[in-house]
Protein backbone atom coordinates (compact mmCIF):
# COMPACT_ATOMS: atom_id res chain seq x y z
CA MET A 1 0.38 -0.34 -0.16
CA THR A 2 1.74 3.41 -0.83
CA PHE A 3 1.37 6.55 1.47
CA ALA A 4 -1.24 7.68 -1.22
CA GLU A 5 -3.30 4.92 -0.27
CA GLY A 6 -3.25 5.07 3.27
CA ARG A 7 -4.03 8.20 3.67
CA VAL A 8 -7.15 7.25 1.34
CA GLN A 9 -8.22 5.03 3.61
CA ASP A 10 -7.54 6.73 6.89
CA ARG A 11 -9.96 9.75 5.49
CA GLY A 12 -12.95 6.78 4.39
CA ARG A 13 -12.51 5.76 8.15
CA HIS A 14 -13.38 9.32 9.53
CA PHE A 15 -15.29 10.22 6.90
CA GLU A 16 -18.68 7.54 7.92
CA PRO A 17 -19.17 8.91 11.57
CA TRP A 18 -19.07 12.55 10.36
CA LEU A 19 -22.22 11.62 8.02
CA ASP A 20 -23.75 10.32 10.50
CA ARG A 21 -23.26 12.80 13.05
CA TYR A 22 -24.55 15.63 10.06
CA GLU A 23 -27.44 13.22 9.30
CA ALA A 24 -28.74 12.96 13.04
CA ILE A 25 -27.85 16.43 13.61
CA GLY A 26 -30.21 17.60 10.39
CA ARG A 27 -33.16 15.29 11.47
CA ALA A 28 -32.83 16.74 15.06
CA GLN A 29 -32.94 20.07 13.30
CA HIS A 30 -35.94 19.48 11.39
CA ARG A 31 -37.95 18.32 14.32
CA TYR A 32 -37.27 21.05 16.22
CA MET A 33 -38.45 23.13 12.92
CA TYR A 34 -41.71 21.82 12.70
CA LEU A 35 -42.07 21.86 16.53
CA LEU A 36 -41.40 24.68 16.40
CA LEU A 37 -44.40 25.61 13.99
CA VAL A 38 -46.57 23.81 16.18
CA LEU A 39 -45.98 25.81 19.68
CA VAL A 40 -46.33 29.10 18.24
CA ALA A 41 -49.36 27.93 16.46
CA PHE A 42 -50.93 26.91 19.30
CA PHE A 43 -49.85 29.50 21.58
CA LEU A 44 -51.25 32.19 19.27
CA VAL A 45 -54.28 30.80 19.15
CA VAL A 46 -54.54 30.42 23.12
CA ASP A 47 -53.82 34.09 22.97
CA GLY A 48 -56.72 35.17 20.75
CA GLY A 49 -54.23 37.98 19.15
CA PRO A 50 -53.76 41.99 19.51
CA GLY A 51 -57.71 43.11 20.67
CA ALA A 52 -58.50 39.70 22.17
CA PRO A 53 -59.81 39.23 25.91
CA ALA A 54 -57.15 38.32 28.24
CA PRO A 55 -57.05 33.86 28.37
CA ALA A 56 -57.81 34.41 32.04
CA SER A 57 -61.27 35.69 31.02
CA ALA A 58 -61.59 32.77 28.46
CA LYS A 59 -62.62 29.03 28.56
CA PRO A 60 -60.06 26.44 30.53
CA LEU A 61 -58.43 24.07 28.28
CA GLY A 62 -60.01 21.18 27.67
CA ILE A 63 -57.24 17.62 28.02
CA GLU A 64 -60.01 15.20 27.04
CA PHE A 65 -58.21 12.25 27.66
CA LEU A 66 -57.29 13.14 31.19
CA HIS A 67 -60.46 14.52 31.78
CA LEU A 68 -58.61 17.90 33.09
CA ASP A 69 -59.76 21.43 32.37
CA VAL A 70 -56.37 23.02 32.35
CA PRO A 71 -56.65 27.12 33.29
CA ARG A 72 -55.43 28.97 29.87
CA LEU A 73 -54.06 31.70 31.53
CA ALA A 74 -51.50 29.47 33.21
CA VAL A 75 -50.43 27.59 29.91
CA TRP A 76 -50.32 31.23 27.70
CA ALA A 77 -47.93 32.68 30.66
CA LEU A 78 -45.86 29.65 29.70
CA GLY A 79 -45.75 30.25 25.71
CA PRO A 80 -42.94 32.75 25.90
CA PRO A 81 -40.02 30.93 27.67
CA VAL A 82 -41.07 27.26 26.22
CA ILE A 83 -40.79 28.74 22.24
CA ALA A 84 -37.55 30.35 23.00
CA PHE A 85 -35.97 27.47 24.64
CA MET A 86 -37.21 25.69 21.39
CA LEU A 87 -35.94 28.10 19.38
CA LEU A 88 -32.39 27.97 21.37
CA ALA A 89 -32.18 24.46 20.30
CA PHE A 90 -33.10 25.04 16.87
CA LEU A 91 -30.43 27.60 16.67
CA GLY A 92 -28.25 25.67 18.44
CA THR A 93 -28.18 22.55 15.55
CA PHE A 94 -26.57 25.01 13.03
CA ALA A 95 -23.60 25.50 14.64
CA ALA A 96 -23.30 21.54 15.75
CA ALA A 97 -24.13 21.11 12.15
CA ARG A 98 -21.24 23.91 11.18
CA VAL A 99 -18.35 21.57 12.99
CA ALA A 100 -19.72 17.67 11.72
CA LEU A 101 -19.43 19.73 8.08
CA LYS A 102 -15.78 20.77 8.55
CA GLY A 103 -15.50 16.74 9.55
CA LEU A 104 -17.26 15.86 6.27
CA GLU A 105 -14.87 18.25 4.04
CA ALA A 106 -11.99 17.51 6.09
CA SER A 107 -12.05 13.45 5.82
CA ALA A 108 -14.47 12.97 1.73
CA PRO A 109 -13.21 11.60 -1.08
CA ALA A 110 -12.49 13.81 -3.82
CA GLY A 111 -15.42 15.08 -5.67
CA LEU A 112 -17.92 14.86 -2.97
CA ARG A 113 -19.61 18.05 -1.60
CA GLY A 114 -22.71 19.92 -0.81
CA ASP A 115 -25.84 18.29 -1.45
CA ALA A 116 -23.98 14.86 -1.37
CA TYR A 117 -23.69 15.60 2.93
CA ASP A 118 -27.44 16.06 3.09
CA ARG A 119 -29.49 12.58 3.66
CA VAL A 120 -32.38 14.00 5.08
CA PRO A 121 -33.69 17.08 3.13
CA ASN A 122 -36.51 18.69 4.87
CA LEU A 123 -39.80 21.23 3.05
CA ILE A 124 -37.79 24.46 3.15
CA ASP A 125 -34.69 22.58 1.81
CA PHE A 126 -36.33 21.30 -1.46
CA ALA A 127 -39.02 24.56 -1.71
CA VAL A 128 -35.54 26.89 -1.95
CA HIS A 129 -33.46 24.50 -3.75
CA THR A 130 -31.16 26.23 -6.22
CA LYS A 131 -28.59 24.84 -8.72
CA GLY A 132 -25.67 26.93 -7.17
CA ASP A 133 -25.13 28.77 -10.41
CA ASP A 134 -28.44 30.93 -10.09
CA PRO A 135 -28.42 34.79 -10.12
CA LEU A 136 -27.53 36.36 -6.81
CA LEU A 137 -30.85 37.11 -5.39
CA VAL A 138 -31.55 33.94 -6.34
CA ARG A 139 -29.20 32.77 -4.10
CA VAL A 140 -29.73 35.12 -1.24
CA VAL A 141 -33.45 33.79 -1.20
CA PRO A 142 -33.13 30.26 -0.57
CA ALA A 143 -30.17 31.14 2.01
CA SER A 144 -31.95 33.33 4.09
CA SER A 145 -34.68 30.98 4.49
CA TYR A 146 -34.20 29.07 7.68
CA PRO A 147 -32.91 32.53 9.27
CA SER A 148 -36.06 34.34 8.73
CA PHE A 149 -38.35 31.48 9.71
CA ALA A 150 -35.98 31.80 12.82
CA THR A 151 -36.46 35.83 12.52
CA ALA A 152 -40.43 35.17 12.67
CA VAL A 153 -40.40 32.60 15.46
CA LEU A 154 -38.16 35.59 17.50
CA LEU A 155 -40.83 38.19 16.68
CA SER A 156 -43.76 35.74 17.76
CA ILE A 157 -42.04 35.12 21.45
CA ALA A 158 -41.52 39.38 22.00
CA TYR A 159 -45.10 39.14 20.99
CA LEU A 160 -46.42 37.01 23.46
CA ALA A 161 -44.07 38.45 25.74
CA TYR A 162 -45.65 41.61 25.96
CA ARG A 163 -48.92 40.47 26.22
CA VAL A 164 -48.07 38.32 29.14
CA TRP A 165 -46.22 41.39 30.37
CA ASN A 166 -49.23 43.76 29.82
CA LEU A 167 -51.25 41.50 32.30
CA GLU A 168 -51.36 42.71 35.85
CA ALA A 169 -53.04 39.56 37.10
CA LEU A 170 -50.81 37.07 36.51
CA GLY A 171 -48.60 39.61 39.47
CA TRP A 172 -45.35 37.76 39.83
CA VAL A 173 -45.46 35.17 37.33
CA ARG A 174 -45.05 38.03 34.61
CA TRP A 175 -42.30 38.93 35.66
CA ALA A 176 -40.70 35.29 35.97
CA ALA A 177 -42.13 34.35 32.67
CA VAL A 178 -40.50 37.41 31.04
CA ILE A 179 -37.03 38.01 32.79
CA VAL A 180 -36.20 33.77 32.13
CA THR A 181 -37.58 34.35 27.95
CA LEU A 182 -35.15 37.36 28.12
CA LEU A 183 -32.20 35.06 29.82
CA ILE A 184 -33.33 32.35 26.48
CA CYS A 185 -33.40 34.80 23.99
CA ILE A 186 -29.64 36.50 24.81
CA PRO A 187 -27.87 33.42 23.10
CA SER A 188 -30.29 33.36 20.59
CA VAL A 189 -30.03 36.64 19.28
CA ALA A 190 -26.19 35.99 19.04
CA ARG A 191 -26.87 32.74 17.25
CA LEU A 192 -29.38 34.40 14.82
CA GLY A 193 -26.97 37.04 13.93
CA SER A 194 -24.36 34.74 13.37
CA LEU A 195 -26.45 32.48 11.19
CA TRP A 196 -27.77 35.24 9.03
CA ARG A 197 -24.22 36.02 8.27
CA ARG A 198 -22.98 33.17 7.67
CA LYS A 199 -25.60 31.96 5.38
CA ILE A 200 -25.70 35.59 3.25
CA ARG A 201 -21.82 35.43 2.89
CA VAL A 202 -21.99 31.43 1.42
CA ALA A 203 -24.83 32.95 -0.93
CA VAL A 204 -22.96 35.61 -1.94
CA ARG A 205 -19.25 33.81 -2.55
CA SER A 206 -21.16 30.56 -3.97
CA LYS A 207 -20.76 31.46 -7.55
């Protein structure tokens, strides 16, 4: 065996574990994304929208299979911190995927790159897929898809937190909910800013 052949085999041994890692991160990312959609929709429905009466004055939320009525106000107040934590985890998958991608690029066979690593594409991936040699605007739009989604979720959190804060009937609970939400959102904002910069930079330089 030549030295070059040995290096190729050594790279191959590292490639498969990194590919498995990248796939596992992708699957987790997709689950978190869909769960975020469900959570945001659920808590916005509970909220009722701008101008709606406070959830405290509405009917309790019924959990039929448990034969249990849950105070709508308690569920509503949990919305901002719960969504904020899930958003933080969702944004964390991009940092983890970046590490795995570096490992893949360092150990991949010659000529293997890009879409070849993504074994679990989701709806967004297909909806905004490009050929790679498209005009700048066409490349920027799909590159901004994930950051735009996360930004929309962050705005939803801000809206719900504002609504919770304005309901004085919650007492100390509103303080706790808003403070916990803010603490979770600080690293989320930093990660989101980094994601925006990275995605746009890649789109601009890809051609």
